[in-house]
N, C-alpha and C. Protein backbone atom coordinates (compact mmCIF):
# COMPACT_ATOMS: atom_id res chain seq x y z
N MET A 1 -1.14 4.00 45.21
CA MET A 1 -0.74 5.39 45.36
C MET A 1 -1.47 6.02 46.54
N VAL A 2 -0.70 6.64 47.40
CA VAL A 2 -1.29 7.29 48.57
C VAL A 2 -1.77 8.68 48.15
N GLU A 3 -3.03 8.97 48.47
CA GLU A 3 -3.55 10.30 48.21
C GLU A 3 -3.12 11.21 49.35
N LYS A 4 -2.98 12.49 49.03
CA LYS A 4 -2.50 13.47 50.02
C LYS A 4 -3.52 14.60 50.15
N ALA A 5 -3.64 15.12 51.38
CA ALA A 5 -4.67 16.12 51.66
C ALA A 5 -4.12 17.32 52.41
N ILE A 6 -4.86 18.43 52.27
CA ILE A 6 -4.61 19.65 53.03
C ILE A 6 -5.94 20.01 53.69
N ILE A 7 -5.89 20.35 54.98
CA ILE A 7 -7.10 20.70 55.73
C ILE A 7 -7.00 22.16 56.17
N CYS A 8 -8.11 22.89 56.01
CA CYS A 8 -8.20 24.28 56.46
C CYS A 8 -9.29 24.37 57.52
N VAL A 9 -8.98 25.06 58.62
CA VAL A 9 -9.90 25.14 59.76
C VAL A 9 -10.09 26.60 60.17
N ASP A 10 -11.34 27.04 60.19
CA ASP A 10 -11.67 28.39 60.66
C ASP A 10 -13.15 28.38 61.02
N ASP A 11 -13.51 29.07 62.09
CA ASP A 11 -14.92 29.06 62.49
C ASP A 11 -15.80 29.93 61.59
N GLU A 12 -15.20 30.66 60.67
CA GLU A 12 -15.98 31.44 59.71
C GLU A 12 -15.96 30.72 58.36
N ARG A 13 -17.15 30.31 57.92
CA ARG A 13 -17.28 29.51 56.70
C ARG A 13 -16.63 30.19 55.49
N PHE A 14 -16.82 31.51 55.34
CA PHE A 14 -16.27 32.18 54.16
C PHE A 14 -14.75 32.16 54.15
N VAL A 15 -14.12 32.13 55.33
CA VAL A 15 -12.65 32.03 55.39
C VAL A 15 -12.22 30.65 54.91
N VAL A 16 -12.90 29.62 55.38
CA VAL A 16 -12.58 28.25 54.95
C VAL A 16 -12.76 28.13 53.44
N GLU A 17 -13.88 28.65 52.93
CA GLU A 17 -14.14 28.57 51.49
C GLU A 17 -13.09 29.33 50.69
N SER A 18 -12.67 30.49 51.18
CA SER A 18 -11.64 31.27 50.50
C SER A 18 -10.31 30.53 50.46
N LEU A 19 -9.92 29.97 51.60
CA LEU A 19 -8.67 29.21 51.66
C LEU A 19 -8.70 28.03 50.68
N LEU A 20 -9.78 27.27 50.70
CA LEU A 20 -9.89 26.10 49.83
C LEU A 20 -9.87 26.50 48.36
N GLU A 21 -10.59 27.56 48.03
CA GLU A 21 -10.63 28.05 46.65
C GLU A 21 -9.24 28.47 46.18
N GLN A 22 -8.52 29.20 47.02
CA GLN A 22 -7.17 29.65 46.66
C GLN A 22 -6.21 28.48 46.50
N LEU A 23 -6.30 27.51 47.38
CA LEU A 23 -5.42 26.34 47.28
C LEU A 23 -5.72 25.52 46.02
N LYS A 24 -6.98 25.33 45.74
CA LYS A 24 -7.36 24.58 44.53
C LYS A 24 -6.88 25.30 43.27
N ARG A 25 -6.99 26.62 43.27
CA ARG A 25 -6.55 27.41 42.11
C ARG A 25 -5.03 27.26 41.93
N ARG A 26 -4.28 27.24 43.01
CA ARG A 26 -2.81 27.18 42.93
C ARG A 26 -2.26 25.77 42.72
N PHE A 27 -2.90 24.77 43.37
CA PHE A 27 -2.33 23.42 43.34
C PHE A 27 -3.18 22.41 42.58
N GLY A 28 -4.33 22.83 42.11
CA GLY A 28 -5.17 21.98 41.27
C GLY A 28 -5.56 20.67 41.93
N LYS A 29 -5.49 19.61 41.16
CA LYS A 29 -5.93 18.29 41.62
C LYS A 29 -4.82 17.48 42.27
N GLU A 30 -3.73 18.17 42.60
CA GLU A 30 -2.59 17.50 43.23
C GLU A 30 -2.93 16.95 44.62
N TYR A 31 -3.89 17.62 45.30
CA TYR A 31 -4.24 17.24 46.67
C TYR A 31 -5.75 17.16 46.83
N ILE A 32 -6.15 16.53 47.92
CA ILE A 32 -7.53 16.56 48.38
C ILE A 32 -7.60 17.73 49.35
N TYR A 33 -8.65 18.53 49.27
CA TYR A 33 -8.80 19.70 50.13
C TYR A 33 -10.04 19.51 51.00
N GLU A 34 -9.85 19.66 52.31
CA GLU A 34 -10.96 19.54 53.25
C GLU A 34 -11.04 20.79 54.10
N GLY A 35 -12.26 21.16 54.47
CA GLY A 35 -12.46 22.31 55.33
C GLY A 35 -13.28 21.94 56.54
N ALA A 36 -13.00 22.60 57.66
CA ALA A 36 -13.74 22.37 58.90
C ALA A 36 -13.97 23.72 59.57
N GLU A 37 -15.10 23.82 60.28
CA GLU A 37 -15.45 25.06 60.95
C GLU A 37 -15.21 25.01 62.46
N SER A 38 -14.54 23.94 62.91
CA SER A 38 -14.16 23.85 64.32
C SER A 38 -13.04 22.82 64.46
N ALA A 39 -12.33 22.92 65.57
CA ALA A 39 -11.26 21.96 65.84
C ALA A 39 -11.81 20.53 65.99
N PRO A 40 -12.92 20.31 66.74
CA PRO A 40 -13.44 18.94 66.82
C PRO A 40 -13.84 18.37 65.46
N GLU A 41 -14.43 19.20 64.60
CA GLU A 41 -14.78 18.73 63.26
C GLU A 41 -13.52 18.36 62.47
N ALA A 42 -12.47 19.16 62.60
CA ALA A 42 -11.22 18.87 61.91
C ALA A 42 -10.59 17.58 62.42
N LEU A 43 -10.66 17.33 63.72
CA LEU A 43 -10.12 16.08 64.27
C LEU A 43 -10.89 14.87 63.72
N ASP A 44 -12.20 15.02 63.57
CA ASP A 44 -13.00 13.94 62.96
C ASP A 44 -12.57 13.70 61.52
N ILE A 45 -12.36 14.78 60.77
CA ILE A 45 -11.91 14.65 59.38
C ILE A 45 -10.55 13.97 59.33
N LEU A 46 -9.65 14.35 60.22
CA LEU A 46 -8.33 13.70 60.28
C LEU A 46 -8.44 12.20 60.47
N GLU A 47 -9.28 11.80 61.41
CA GLU A 47 -9.46 10.37 61.67
C GLU A 47 -10.07 9.66 60.47
N ASP A 48 -11.06 10.30 59.82
CA ASP A 48 -11.69 9.70 58.63
C ASP A 48 -10.67 9.52 57.51
N LEU A 49 -9.87 10.55 57.27
CA LEU A 49 -8.87 10.46 56.20
C LEU A 49 -7.82 9.40 56.51
N GLU A 50 -7.43 9.31 57.78
CA GLU A 50 -6.46 8.28 58.17
C GLU A 50 -7.02 6.88 57.89
N GLN A 51 -8.29 6.66 58.20
CA GLN A 51 -8.92 5.36 57.94
C GLN A 51 -9.00 5.05 56.45
N GLU A 52 -9.07 6.11 55.63
CA GLU A 52 -9.13 5.93 54.18
C GLU A 52 -7.74 5.90 53.55
N ASN A 53 -6.70 5.85 54.39
CA ASN A 53 -5.31 5.85 53.94
C ASN A 53 -4.95 7.08 53.12
N ILE A 54 -5.53 8.22 53.48
CA ILE A 54 -5.20 9.49 52.85
C ILE A 54 -4.27 10.24 53.81
N GLU A 55 -3.11 10.61 53.31
CA GLU A 55 -2.10 11.27 54.14
C GLU A 55 -2.36 12.78 54.19
N VAL A 56 -2.58 13.30 55.38
CA VAL A 56 -2.74 14.74 55.54
C VAL A 56 -1.35 15.34 55.68
N LEU A 57 -1.03 16.27 54.77
CA LEU A 57 0.28 16.88 54.75
C LEU A 57 0.36 18.14 55.60
N ILE A 58 -0.69 18.98 55.49
CA ILE A 58 -0.68 20.29 56.13
C ILE A 58 -2.05 20.61 56.70
N ILE A 59 -2.05 21.29 57.84
CA ILE A 59 -3.27 21.87 58.40
C ILE A 59 -3.03 23.36 58.56
N VAL A 60 -3.95 24.15 58.00
CA VAL A 60 -3.95 25.60 58.19
C VAL A 60 -5.11 25.90 59.13
N SER A 61 -4.81 26.43 60.30
CA SER A 61 -5.85 26.63 61.30
C SER A 61 -5.89 28.06 61.83
N ASP A 62 -7.10 28.56 61.97
CA ASP A 62 -7.33 29.84 62.64
C ASP A 62 -6.90 29.69 64.10
N TRP A 63 -6.63 30.80 64.75
CA TRP A 63 -6.31 30.75 66.17
C TRP A 63 -7.54 30.95 67.04
N LEU A 64 -8.30 32.02 66.79
CA LEU A 64 -9.42 32.36 67.65
C LEU A 64 -10.68 31.62 67.20
N MET A 65 -10.95 30.50 67.85
CA MET A 65 -12.12 29.68 67.54
C MET A 65 -12.79 29.28 68.84
N PRO A 66 -14.12 29.09 68.81
CA PRO A 66 -14.80 28.58 70.00
C PRO A 66 -14.41 27.12 70.24
N GLU A 67 -14.66 26.62 71.39
CA GLU A 67 -14.38 25.23 71.80
C GLU A 67 -12.90 24.97 72.05
N MET A 68 -12.03 25.31 71.07
CA MET A 68 -10.60 25.04 71.21
C MET A 68 -9.83 26.07 70.40
N ARG A 69 -8.90 26.75 71.02
CA ARG A 69 -8.06 27.73 70.31
C ARG A 69 -7.14 26.99 69.32
N GLY A 70 -6.70 27.72 68.31
CA GLY A 70 -5.87 27.13 67.28
C GLY A 70 -4.57 26.54 67.78
N ASP A 71 -3.92 27.19 68.75
CA ASP A 71 -2.66 26.64 69.27
C ASP A 71 -2.92 25.32 69.98
N GLU A 72 -4.00 25.24 70.75
CA GLU A 72 -4.35 23.99 71.44
C GLU A 72 -4.67 22.89 70.42
N PHE A 73 -5.41 23.25 69.39
CA PHE A 73 -5.76 22.30 68.34
C PHE A 73 -4.51 21.78 67.63
N LEU A 74 -3.61 22.68 67.23
CA LEU A 74 -2.41 22.25 66.52
C LEU A 74 -1.49 21.42 67.41
N ILE A 75 -1.46 21.71 68.70
CA ILE A 75 -0.69 20.88 69.63
C ILE A 75 -1.27 19.47 69.68
N GLU A 76 -2.59 19.37 69.72
CA GLU A 76 -3.25 18.06 69.72
C GLU A 76 -2.99 17.31 68.41
N VAL A 77 -3.07 18.02 67.30
CA VAL A 77 -2.77 17.41 65.99
C VAL A 77 -1.34 16.88 65.99
N HIS A 78 -0.39 17.70 66.45
CA HIS A 78 1.01 17.29 66.46
C HIS A 78 1.24 16.09 67.38
N ARG A 79 0.54 16.05 68.48
CA ARG A 79 0.66 14.92 69.41
C ARG A 79 0.18 13.63 68.73
N ARG A 80 -0.92 13.70 68.03
CA ARG A 80 -1.51 12.51 67.42
C ARG A 80 -0.97 12.18 66.03
N PHE A 81 -0.57 13.22 65.30
CA PHE A 81 -0.10 13.06 63.91
C PHE A 81 1.16 13.91 63.72
N PRO A 82 2.29 13.49 64.26
CA PRO A 82 3.48 14.34 64.30
C PRO A 82 4.07 14.72 62.94
N LYS A 83 3.70 14.02 61.87
CA LYS A 83 4.25 14.35 60.55
C LYS A 83 3.51 15.48 59.85
N ILE A 84 2.32 15.82 60.33
CA ILE A 84 1.54 16.87 59.68
C ILE A 84 2.18 18.23 59.94
N ILE A 85 2.33 19.01 58.89
CA ILE A 85 2.88 20.37 59.00
C ILE A 85 1.75 21.29 59.47
N THR A 86 2.05 22.14 60.45
CA THR A 86 1.03 23.01 61.01
C THR A 86 1.30 24.47 60.67
N VAL A 87 0.23 25.16 60.28
CA VAL A 87 0.28 26.59 59.95
C VAL A 87 -0.86 27.25 60.70
N MET A 88 -0.57 28.35 61.38
CA MET A 88 -1.62 29.10 62.07
C MET A 88 -1.97 30.34 61.25
N LEU A 89 -3.26 30.59 61.13
CA LEU A 89 -3.77 31.77 60.44
C LEU A 89 -4.51 32.60 61.48
N THR A 90 -4.13 33.87 61.61
CA THR A 90 -4.75 34.63 62.69
C THR A 90 -4.76 36.12 62.43
N GLY A 91 -5.71 36.75 63.04
CA GLY A 91 -5.73 38.19 63.07
C GLY A 91 -5.56 38.67 64.50
N GLN A 92 -5.58 37.71 65.45
CA GLN A 92 -5.64 38.10 66.85
C GLN A 92 -4.76 37.32 67.81
N ALA A 93 -3.99 36.35 67.34
CA ALA A 93 -3.20 35.53 68.27
C ALA A 93 -2.15 36.37 68.97
N ASP A 94 -1.97 36.10 70.24
CA ASP A 94 -0.91 36.80 70.95
C ASP A 94 0.40 36.03 70.80
N GLU A 95 1.48 36.68 71.12
CA GLU A 95 2.80 36.07 70.96
C GLU A 95 2.94 34.78 71.79
N THR A 96 2.31 34.76 72.96
CA THR A 96 2.39 33.57 73.81
C THR A 96 1.80 32.36 73.10
N ALA A 97 0.65 32.54 72.45
CA ALA A 97 0.01 31.43 71.73
C ALA A 97 0.88 30.97 70.57
N ILE A 98 1.46 31.91 69.86
CA ILE A 98 2.32 31.55 68.73
C ILE A 98 3.56 30.79 69.23
N LYS A 99 4.18 31.29 70.29
CA LYS A 99 5.35 30.61 70.86
C LYS A 99 5.00 29.20 71.35
N ARG A 100 3.83 29.06 71.97
CA ARG A 100 3.37 27.75 72.45
C ARG A 100 3.21 26.79 71.26
N ALA A 101 2.61 27.28 70.17
CA ALA A 101 2.44 26.44 68.98
C ALA A 101 3.78 26.09 68.35
N GLU A 102 4.72 27.03 68.35
CA GLU A 102 6.05 26.74 67.82
C GLU A 102 6.73 25.64 68.63
N LYS A 103 6.60 25.73 69.94
CA LYS A 103 7.29 24.79 70.83
C LYS A 103 6.62 23.41 70.86
N TYR A 104 5.29 23.39 70.95
CA TYR A 104 4.59 22.11 71.17
C TYR A 104 3.88 21.54 69.96
N ALA A 105 3.72 22.35 68.89
CA ALA A 105 3.03 21.85 67.70
C ALA A 105 3.95 21.90 66.48
N ASN A 106 5.23 22.23 66.71
CA ASN A 106 6.18 22.35 65.62
C ASN A 106 5.63 23.26 64.52
N LEU A 107 5.08 24.41 64.93
CA LEU A 107 4.45 25.35 64.00
C LEU A 107 5.42 25.73 62.90
N TYR A 108 4.99 25.56 61.66
CA TYR A 108 5.84 25.90 60.51
C TYR A 108 5.84 27.40 60.25
N ARG A 109 4.66 27.99 60.27
CA ARG A 109 4.56 29.42 60.00
C ARG A 109 3.24 29.96 60.54
N CYS A 110 3.24 31.25 60.81
CA CYS A 110 2.03 31.94 61.22
C CYS A 110 1.71 32.97 60.14
N LEU A 111 0.53 32.86 59.56
CA LEU A 111 0.06 33.84 58.57
C LEU A 111 -0.95 34.76 59.25
N TYR A 112 -0.90 36.01 58.89
CA TYR A 112 -1.79 36.98 59.52
C TYR A 112 -2.91 37.41 58.57
N LYS A 113 -4.12 37.50 59.13
CA LYS A 113 -5.26 37.99 58.36
C LYS A 113 -5.16 39.50 58.23
N PRO A 114 -5.48 40.07 57.11
CA PRO A 114 -5.83 39.37 55.87
C PRO A 114 -4.57 38.87 55.17
N TRP A 115 -4.58 37.64 54.75
CA TRP A 115 -3.47 37.04 54.03
C TRP A 115 -3.67 37.29 52.54
N THR A 116 -2.63 37.03 51.77
CA THR A 116 -2.77 37.09 50.31
C THR A 116 -2.67 35.67 49.77
N GLU A 117 -3.26 35.48 48.61
CA GLU A 117 -3.19 34.16 47.98
C GLU A 117 -1.74 33.77 47.72
N GLU A 118 -0.93 34.76 47.37
CA GLU A 118 0.48 34.49 47.09
C GLU A 118 1.22 33.99 48.34
N GLU A 119 1.01 34.65 49.49
CA GLU A 119 1.72 34.20 50.69
C GLU A 119 1.20 32.85 51.17
N LEU A 120 -0.09 32.57 50.98
CA LEU A 120 -0.62 31.24 51.32
C LEU A 120 0.03 30.18 50.43
N ALA A 121 0.05 30.43 49.12
CA ALA A 121 0.64 29.47 48.18
C ALA A 121 2.12 29.27 48.45
N GLN A 122 2.84 30.35 48.73
CA GLN A 122 4.28 30.23 49.01
C GLN A 122 4.53 29.44 50.29
N THR A 123 3.69 29.66 51.31
CA THR A 123 3.83 28.93 52.57
C THR A 123 3.62 27.44 52.34
N ILE A 124 2.57 27.09 51.62
CA ILE A 124 2.28 25.68 51.36
C ILE A 124 3.39 25.06 50.51
N ALA A 125 3.78 25.75 49.45
CA ALA A 125 4.83 25.22 48.56
C ALA A 125 6.14 25.03 49.31
N SER A 126 6.54 26.01 50.12
CA SER A 126 7.81 25.88 50.83
C SER A 126 7.74 24.80 51.90
N ALA A 127 6.58 24.65 52.54
CA ALA A 127 6.43 23.60 53.55
C ALA A 127 6.53 22.22 52.92
N LEU A 128 6.01 22.09 51.73
CA LEU A 128 6.04 20.79 51.05
C LEU A 128 7.33 20.55 50.28
N GLY A 129 8.09 21.63 50.06
CA GLY A 129 9.31 21.53 49.24
C GLY A 129 10.45 21.01 50.03
């Protein structure tokens, strides 16, 4: 049986913890949940999970992060792992960044901060449905 994972990426630890807590509450033990505080850390987690034969289904990523913006990160994820569904979470992304992610990262949806647990759960459920 292939295990399946969801990764959340945000440079603010409390945002990552909130996302993971909400996903666990909604989807329980159905998935493995991983959090990262930077795009490079998330790429390392992706590679580790791939080596463990764990399929990453969705990545929820902040846009405004140091080192690598969310649109750049999701484009890189899509280039290397084209089956992963990408979701951007932002309070500050401009339309150009969102359009770039839609075009080059096959962005599924953009959620705006502050998000609600319900819209996060609906986004994940519809993406997987």
